[in-house]
C-alpha cells in the first residue's frame, strides 16, 4: 500500500508560481512512477506531468499546455515528488492530485495509477 498526501496548493494571481509537494509512504518509492493530474470544475480529470526513475536515469512527461512552465521532480530520499508551477494561468485552476503506479507503460494514462492522494486546490486569479 502507498499513501499519498499533497500540499502546497493555494490562491495566486496569474503569472505567479506555486510548488506542490506529494509525500508518499512506502519503502519502494523510487520504483514507482509518480504523476500529477488535475480536475477543473465540470471537466474530466486530466494528466499534467509524470516522472519515473530507473537505474539512475530520470524520465519526465508533460501535458503540452504546461511544457516550459511546470517542472516535475522527485527526491527519493524524502519519498516526495514535487510540481513546480510557474507562469500560472487562470486555466490552470483545478484540484491537483498526486498518483503512484508500480508499473505502467503509459505514464500519461490515469487508469495505470493505483494510488491517489486526496488532492490540493490551486486557484489562479486573473
Protein backbone atom coordinates (compact mmCIF):
# COMPACT_ATOMS: atom_id res chain seq x y z
CA UNK A 1 0.00 0.00 0.00
CA UNK A 2 1.08 3.53 -0.76
CA UNK A 3 -0.41 6.58 0.88
CA UNK A 4 -0.04 9.96 -0.76
CA UNK A 5 -0.50 13.37 0.82
CA UNK A 6 -0.43 16.52 -1.30
CA UNK A 7 0.31 20.03 -0.09
CA UNK A 8 1.21 23.43 -1.46
CA UNK A 9 -1.96 24.49 -3.19
CA UNK A 10 -3.45 27.94 -2.79
CA UNK A 11 -4.74 31.08 -4.41
CA UNK A 12 -2.34 33.05 -6.60
CA UNK A 13 -2.52 35.71 -9.27
CA UNK A 14 -1.83 34.88 -12.87
CA UNK A 15 1.88 34.91 -13.67
CA UNK A 16 2.91 33.77 -10.22
CA UNK A 17 4.25 30.42 -9.05
CA UNK A 18 3.37 27.57 -6.72
CA UNK A 19 5.15 24.39 -5.76
CA UNK A 20 3.09 21.34 -4.97
CA UNK A 21 4.50 18.53 -2.88
CA UNK A 22 3.38 14.94 -2.55
CA UNK A 23 4.70 12.89 0.35
CA UNK A 24 4.49 9.13 -0.11
CA UNK A 25 4.66 6.28 2.34
CA UNK A 26 6.28 3.00 1.41
CA UNK A 27 9.78 1.63 1.18
CA UNK A 28 9.85 1.19 -2.59
CA UNK A 29 9.03 4.77 -3.54
CA UNK A 30 11.91 5.01 -6.00
CA UNK A 31 10.46 2.20 -8.12
CA UNK A 32 7.10 3.93 -8.61
CA UNK A 33 6.09 6.14 -11.46
CA UNK A 34 4.67 9.31 -9.91
CA UNK A 35 2.17 11.50 -11.65
CA UNK A 36 0.24 14.71 -11.22
CA UNK A 37 -3.27 15.01 -12.56
CA UNK A 38 -5.84 17.78 -12.25
CA UNK A 39 -9.57 18.23 -12.44
CA UNK A 40 -11.23 21.55 -13.11
CA UNK A 41 -14.89 22.13 -12.23
CA UNK A 42 -17.16 20.45 -14.74
CA UNK A 43 -14.28 18.76 -16.54
CA UNK A 44 -12.70 15.34 -16.63
CA UNK A 45 -9.54 14.67 -14.68
CA UNK A 46 -6.52 15.08 -16.93
CA UNK A 47 -2.84 14.25 -16.98
CA UNK A 48 -0.40 17.03 -16.10
CA UNK A 49 3.04 15.51 -15.54
CA UNK A 50 4.78 12.27 -14.59
CA UNK A 51 8.21 11.10 -13.58
CA UNK A 52 9.90 7.76 -13.28
CA UNK A 53 13.40 6.72 -12.35
CA UNK A 54 15.32 3.70 -13.48
CA UNK A 55 18.97 2.80 -12.95
CA UNK A 56 19.94 6.39 -12.34
CA UNK A 57 18.01 7.79 -15.29
CA UNK A 58 15.04 10.08 -14.79
CA UNK A 59 12.24 10.33 -17.34
CA UNK A 60 9.66 13.08 -17.34
CA UNK A 61 6.42 13.57 -19.25
CA UNK A 62 4.24 16.68 -19.57
CA UNK A 63 0.91 17.79 -20.90
CA UNK A 64 1.60 20.05 -23.88
CA UNK A 65 -0.01 23.11 -22.34
CA UNK A 66 2.27 23.04 -19.27
CA UNK A 67 5.57 22.32 -21.01
CA UNK A 68 8.08 25.05 -20.25
CA UNK A 69 6.04 26.27 -17.27
CA UNK A 70 5.77 23.22 -14.98
CA UNK A 71 8.57 21.02 -13.74
CA UNK A 72 8.14 17.68 -12.02
CA UNK A 73 10.89 16.33 -9.81
CA UNK A 74 11.37 13.77 -7.09
CA UNK A 75 13.50 13.26 -4.03
CA UNK A 76 13.70 9.54 -3.42
CA UNK A 77 15.45 10.04 -0.08
CA UNK A 78 12.44 12.03 1.15
CA UNK A 79 9.80 9.93 -0.64
CA UNK A 80 8.49 13.15 -2.14
CA UNK A 81 7.55 14.32 -5.60
CA UNK A 82 7.19 17.99 -6.49
CA UNK A 83 5.43 20.00 -9.16
CA UNK A 84 6.91 23.45 -9.66
CA UNK A 85 4.36 25.59 -11.46
CA UNK A 86 5.50 28.88 -12.95
CA UNK A 87 3.70 31.48 -15.07
CA UNK A 88 0.38 30.22 -13.82
CA UNK A 89 -2.74 30.95 -15.84
CA UNK A 90 -6.40 31.03 -14.82
CA UNK A 91 -6.94 27.88 -16.88
CA UNK A 92 -4.56 26.05 -14.53
CA UNK A 93 -7.19 26.36 -11.80
CA UNK A 94 -8.09 22.85 -10.65
CA UNK A 95 -7.86 20.28 -7.93
CA UNK A 96 -4.43 18.70 -8.33
CA UNK A 97 -3.92 15.04 -7.50
CA UNK A 98 -0.77 13.08 -6.92
CA UNK A 99 -0.77 9.46 -8.08
CA UNK A 100 1.56 6.47 -7.94
CA UNK A 101 1.93 3.48 -10.21
CA UNK A 102 4.03 0.41 -9.52
CA UNK A 103 4.11 -0.42 -13.20
CA UNK A 104 2.98 1.47 -16.24
CA UNK A 105 3.91 1.58 -19.88
CA UNK A 106 1.86 4.74 -20.31
CA UNK A 107 2.67 7.31 -17.60
CA UNK A 108 0.09 9.71 -19.01
CA UNK A 109 -2.80 7.27 -18.55
CA UNK A 110 -4.55 7.70 -15.21
CA UNK A 111 -6.02 4.20 -15.30
CA UNK A 112 -2.48 2.86 -14.81
CA UNK A 113 -2.22 4.53 -11.41
CA UNK A 114 -3.43 2.51 -8.44
CA UNK A 115 -2.77 5.00 -5.66
CA UNK A 116 -4.15 8.51 -5.35
CA UNK A 117 -3.97 11.37 -2.91
CA UNK A 118 -6.90 13.50 -1.80
CA UNK A 119 -5.90 16.48 -3.90
CA UNK A 120 -4.83 20.06 -3.28
CA UNK A 121 -6.68 23.04 -4.71
CA UNK A 122 -4.92 25.50 -7.00
CA UNK A 123 -6.78 28.67 -7.90
CA UNK A 124 -5.30 31.22 -10.27
CA UNK A 125 -6.97 34.62 -10.46
CA UNK A 126 -6.73 36.87 -13.49
